[in-house]
Protein backbone atom coordinates (compact mmCIF):
# COMPACT_ATOMS: atom_id res chain seq x y z
CA UNK A 1 -0.11 4.19 27.48
CA UNK A 2 2.60 2.14 25.70
CA UNK A 3 3.76 4.29 22.88
CA UNK A 4 3.21 1.28 20.73
CA UNK A 5 0.27 -1.19 21.34
CA UNK A 6 2.00 -4.15 19.75
CA UNK A 7 5.24 -4.01 21.60
CA UNK A 8 4.68 -6.74 23.55
CA UNK A 9 3.22 -9.75 21.01
CA UNK A 10 5.77 -8.45 19.00
CA UNK A 11 8.34 -9.53 21.77
CA UNK A 12 6.51 -12.72 21.83
CA UNK A 13 7.06 -13.22 18.35
CA UNK A 14 10.59 -12.92 19.04
CA UNK A 15 11.00 -14.44 21.16
CA UNK A 16 8.78 -17.38 19.86
CA UNK A 17 10.86 -17.24 16.87
CA UNK A 18 14.39 -17.36 19.18
CA UNK A 19 12.73 -21.22 20.39
CA UNK A 20 12.18 -22.51 16.58
CA UNK A 21 15.22 -21.60 15.47
CA UNK A 22 16.85 -23.54 18.31
CA UNK A 23 17.62 -27.18 17.62
CA UNK A 24 14.87 -29.80 19.11
CA UNK A 25 15.77 -31.29 21.71
CA UNK A 26 14.90 -34.22 20.33
CA UNK A 27 16.86 -34.45 18.06
CA UNK A 28 19.56 -33.78 20.56
CA UNK A 29 18.67 -36.31 22.61
CA UNK A 30 18.31 -38.97 20.18
CA UNK A 31 21.27 -37.90 18.22
CA UNK A 32 19.43 -37.28 15.18
CA UNK A 33 21.04 -35.12 12.63
CA UNK A 34 18.62 -32.41 12.66
CA UNK A 35 20.34 -29.07 10.24
CA UNK A 36 19.28 -25.42 12.02
CA UNK A 37 17.82 -23.13 9.69
CA UNK A 38 19.40 -21.43 7.09
CA UNK A 39 19.82 -17.66 7.25
CA UNK A 40 17.41 -17.22 4.38
CA UNK A 41 14.74 -19.88 5.83
CA UNK A 42 15.21 -17.60 9.37
CA UNK A 43 14.59 -13.48 7.22
CA UNK A 44 11.64 -15.45 5.39
CA UNK A 45 9.71 -16.16 8.85
CA UNK A 46 11.42 -13.07 10.50
CA UNK A 47 9.76 -11.33 7.68
CA UNK A 48 6.27 -12.88 7.70
CA UNK A 49 5.96 -12.47 11.30
CA UNK A 50 6.23 -8.70 10.86
CA UNK A 51 4.00 -8.21 7.56
CA UNK A 52 1.42 -10.23 9.87
CA UNK A 53 1.72 -7.87 12.64
CA UNK A 54 1.32 -4.61 10.20
CA UNK A 55 -1.72 -6.92 8.62
CA UNK A 56 -2.90 -6.64 12.19
CA UNK A 57 -2.44 -3.21 12.96
CA UNK A 58 -3.81 -1.46 10.29
CA UNK A 59 -7.33 -4.01 10.39
CA UNK A 60 -7.99 -3.52 13.76
CA UNK A 61 -7.23 0.05 13.79
CA UNK A 62 -9.95 2.87 12.43
CA UNK A 63 -7.33 5.69 10.81
CA UNK A 64 -4.70 4.03 8.41
CA UNK A 65 -3.06 7.21 8.19
CA UNK A 66 -2.80 7.21 11.92
CA UNK A 67 -1.68 3.85 12.32
CA UNK A 68 1.10 4.08 9.92
CA UNK A 69 2.28 7.06 11.63
CA UNK A 70 2.92 5.23 14.70
CA UNK A 71 4.56 1.76 12.79
CA UNK A 72 6.89 4.30 11.34
CA UNK A 73 8.22 6.21 14.45
CA UNK A 74 8.41 2.63 16.39
CA UNK A 75 10.56 1.31 13.55
CA UNK A 76 12.55 4.13 13.11
CA UNK A 77 11.59 4.68 9.54
CA UNK A 78 11.89 8.62 9.36
CA UNK A 79 12.73 11.14 12.01
CA UNK A 80 10.62 12.81 12.26
CA UNK A 81 8.08 10.27 12.06
CA UNK A 82 5.64 11.76 10.09
CA UNK A 83 2.72 10.60 7.66
CA UNK A 84 2.46 13.25 4.63
CA UNK A 85 0.44 13.03 2.02
CA UNK A 86 1.83 13.27 -2.49
CA UNK A 87 -1.61 14.12 -3.65
CA UNK A 88 -2.33 12.66 -7.60
CA UNK A 89 -3.58 15.36 -9.29
CA UNK A 90 -5.89 15.17 -12.18
CA UNK A 91 -6.96 11.87 -11.38
CA UNK A 92 -10.31 10.69 -11.85
CA UNK A 93 -12.07 7.06 -11.50
CA UNK A 94 -15.78 7.31 -11.46
CA UNK A 95 -17.58 5.34 -8.69
CA UNK A 96 -18.72 1.92 -9.99
CA UNK A 97 -22.64 0.96 -9.41
CA UNK A 98 -21.55 -0.92 -6.43
CA UNK A 99 -19.07 1.88 -4.61
CA UNK A 100 -22.71 3.84 -5.16
CA UNK A 101 -24.90 1.64 -3.13
CA UNK A 102 -22.16 1.31 -0.34
CA UNK A 103 -22.13 4.93 -0.26
CA UNK A 104 -25.71 4.88 0.12
CA UNK A 105 -25.78 7.59 -2.94
CA UNK A 106 -28.48 8.99 -5.15
CA UNK A 107 -27.37 9.28 -8.73
CA UNK A 108 -27.93 13.23 -8.13
CA UNK A 109 -25.47 13.09 -5.17
CA UNK A 110 -21.78 13.94 -5.44
CA UNK A 111 -18.67 11.90 -5.06
CA UNK A 112 -15.27 12.57 -5.45
CA UNK A 113 -12.52 10.77 -6.03
CA UNK A 114 -8.75 10.70 -4.27
CA UNK A 115 -5.83 9.62 -5.13
CA UNK A 116 -2.67 9.54 -3.08
CA UNK A 117 0.64 8.68 -2.21
CA UNK A 118 1.46 8.43 1.49
CA UNK A 119 5.20 9.10 2.71
CA UNK A 120 6.60 8.74 5.67
CA UNK A 121 9.87 10.72 5.41
CA UNK A 122 11.18 10.69 1.99
CA UNK A 123 9.57 6.11 2.24
CA UNK A 124 5.80 5.69 0.03
CA UNK A 125 4.56 3.61 2.98
CA UNK A 126 1.23 3.41 0.70
CA UNK A 127 -1.19 4.31 -2.06
CA UNK A 128 -4.42 5.35 -1.58
CA UNK A 129 -7.75 5.34 -3.59
CA UNK A 130 -10.72 7.15 -2.41
CA UNK A 131 -14.09 7.90 -2.94
CA UNK A 132 -15.84 10.18 -0.57
CA UNK A 133 -19.52 11.90 -0.09
CA UNK A 134 -18.25 15.85 0.11
CA UNK A 135 -22.06 16.29 1.84
CA UNK A 136 -21.04 14.43 4.69
CA UNK A 137 -18.04 16.06 5.64
CA UNK A 138 -18.32 19.75 6.82
CA UNK A 139 -17.05 22.52 4.95
CA UNK A 140 -13.39 23.33 6.59
CA UNK A 141 -12.82 19.28 5.92
CA UNK A 142 -13.50 19.53 1.84
CA UNK A 143 -11.38 22.50 2.34
CA UNK A 144 -8.92 20.86 3.09
CA UNK A 145 -9.11 17.97 1.39
CA UNK A 146 -9.69 19.54 -1.77
CA UNK A 147 -6.48 22.53 -1.63
CA UNK A 148 -3.94 20.36 1.00
CA UNK A 149 -2.50 17.51 0.41
CA UNK A 150 -3.67 16.25 3.96
CA UNK A 151 -4.03 12.44 4.33
CA UNK A 152 -7.18 11.84 4.23
CA UNK A 153 -7.72 10.22 7.70
CA UNK A 154 -5.59 13.25 9.42
CA UNK A 155 -8.65 15.20 7.41
CA UNK A 156 -11.52 13.92 8.80
CA UNK A 157 -10.45 12.58 12.00
CA UNK A 158 -12.42 14.20 13.97
CA UNK A 159 -15.44 12.76 12.65
CA UNK A 160 -14.85 10.53 15.22
CA UNK A 161 -15.63 7.37 12.32
CA UNK A 162 -15.00 3.68 12.27
CA UNK A 163 -13.67 1.73 9.09
CA UNK A 164 -15.34 -1.33 8.11
CA UNK A 165 -12.77 -3.79 6.16
CA UNK A 166 -14.38 -5.31 2.93
CA UNK A 167 -11.63 -7.27 2.06
CA UNK A 168 -8.18 -7.45 3.09
CA UNK A 169 -5.26 -9.19 0.33
CA UNK A 170 -1.65 -10.26 1.31
CA UNK A 171 0.04 -9.67 -1.79
CA UNK A 172 3.15 -11.65 -0.58
CA UNK A 173 4.00 -14.29 0.69
CA UNK A 174 7.49 -14.47 2.48
CA UNK A 175 7.62 -18.51 3.71
CA UNK A 176 6.88 -20.98 0.60
CA UNK A 177 3.64 -22.91 -0.37
CA UNK A 178 3.93 -25.96 2.44
CA UNK A 179 6.37 -25.02 4.09
CA UNK A 180 4.82 -26.13 7.63
CA UNK A 181 5.01 -30.03 5.83
CA UNK A 182 9.41 -29.99 4.93
CA UNK A 183 12.32 -29.05 7.29
CA UNK A 184 14.00 -26.45 6.84
CA UNK A 185 17.03 -25.94 4.56
CA UNK A 186 20.48 -26.55 5.64
CA UNK A 187 21.75 -23.82 3.09
CA UNK A 188 20.40 -20.76 1.10
CA UNK A 189 22.04 -16.54 1.54
CA UNK A 190 19.58 -14.10 2.77
CA UNK A 191 21.01 -12.07 -0.12
CA UNK A 192 18.83 -14.06 -2.56
CA UNK A 193 15.36 -12.62 -1.17
CA UNK A 194 13.95 -9.94 -2.37
CA UNK A 195 11.08 -7.70 -1.89
CA UNK A 196 7.99 -7.17 -3.75
CA UNK A 197 7.03 -3.62 -3.80
CA UNK A 198 3.52 -3.95 -2.81
CA UNK A 199 2.64 -5.92 0.33
CA UNK A 200 -0.86 -5.56 1.78
CA UNK A 201 -4.43 -4.21 -0.08
CA UNK A 202 -7.23 -3.57 2.06
CA UNK A 203 -10.90 -2.23 0.65
CA UNK A 204 -12.74 -0.39 3.68
CA UNK A 205 -16.11 1.71 4.38
CA UNK A 206 -15.66 4.27 6.56
CA UNK A 207 -19.09 5.26 8.34
CA UNK A 208 -20.06 8.22 10.53
CA UNK A 209 -21.01 7.48 14.27
CA UNK A 210 -24.41 7.19 13.31
CA UNK A 211 -23.65 4.37 10.42
CA UNK A 212 -23.76 6.52 7.40
CA UNK A 213 -20.90 5.59 5.30
CA UNK A 214 -19.79 8.29 3.43
CA UNK A 215 -15.75 7.19 2.35
CA UNK A 216 -14.33 3.61 0.67
CA UNK A 217 -10.44 3.56 0.56
CA UNK A 218 -8.60 1.47 -1.16
CA UNK A 219 -4.99 1.45 0.12
CA UNK A 220 -2.11 -0.87 -1.40
CA UNK A 221 0.55 -0.80 1.36
CA UNK A 222 4.24 -1.15 0.20
CA UNK A 223 7.23 -3.13 1.53
CA UNK A 224 9.06 0.18 2.77
CA UNK A 225 7.37 -0.87 5.97
CA UNK A 226 9.53 -3.74 6.39
CA UNK A 227 12.82 -1.49 5.74
CA UNK A 228 14.42 -2.53 9.71
CA UNK A 229 17.38 -2.96 9.84
CA UNK A 230 16.30 -7.26 11.56
CA UNK A 231 15.39 -7.38 7.29
CA UNK A 232 18.60 -5.67 5.99
CA UNK A 233 19.25 -8.64 3.79
CA UNK A 234 15.85 -8.10 2.23
CA UNK A 235 16.03 -5.74 -1.06
CA UNK A 236 13.89 -4.46 -3.45
CA UNK A 237 12.83 -7.26 -6.49
């Protein structure tokens, strides 16, 4: 099995980008003066393609932790590319009434809260808020979540859970609004571009194989996930 399931898709995106970056054939034949895309415009397009690939990859897999670890390994963000969690201690955020309804818990049922920062090597790649029902986990899982910094998805992986996306929000658009309606600028400096600290935010419900929900997560993904040589001109805002 391919080490990274989207390698083919990424290659196709790269080929499409290479074709897009060439001067249109009709312009060459007609003698029209069509400017080549500027370096910052191409960098924006490359960032948009990579961000879309990342978003689709996260949305199409049940475990964000496993997906992030594979992404970090494929893009050489750290060596070894292992996802670890830094728990934010003494953090508490009671579930809302809507969250309790989504988790199908009674007023007397306990719902625990856990906040972590997921790292790939030294890079913080995600910040996650997690509300979970301890009664629906094994004692070993609860002990692991209470006493260690193990990422939630890895701690409960043996449950063979399913992930149901509630919402998905792209927090940064590399290309300006209406970019497809205007010609690409002929000038620009990619060094002027900058990455915001947060790129994506997902809210999801995790359920057992029988459909019983046991966790709701809100995950905010950082710009460190785009720290690849191809986008080196980009820097934090």
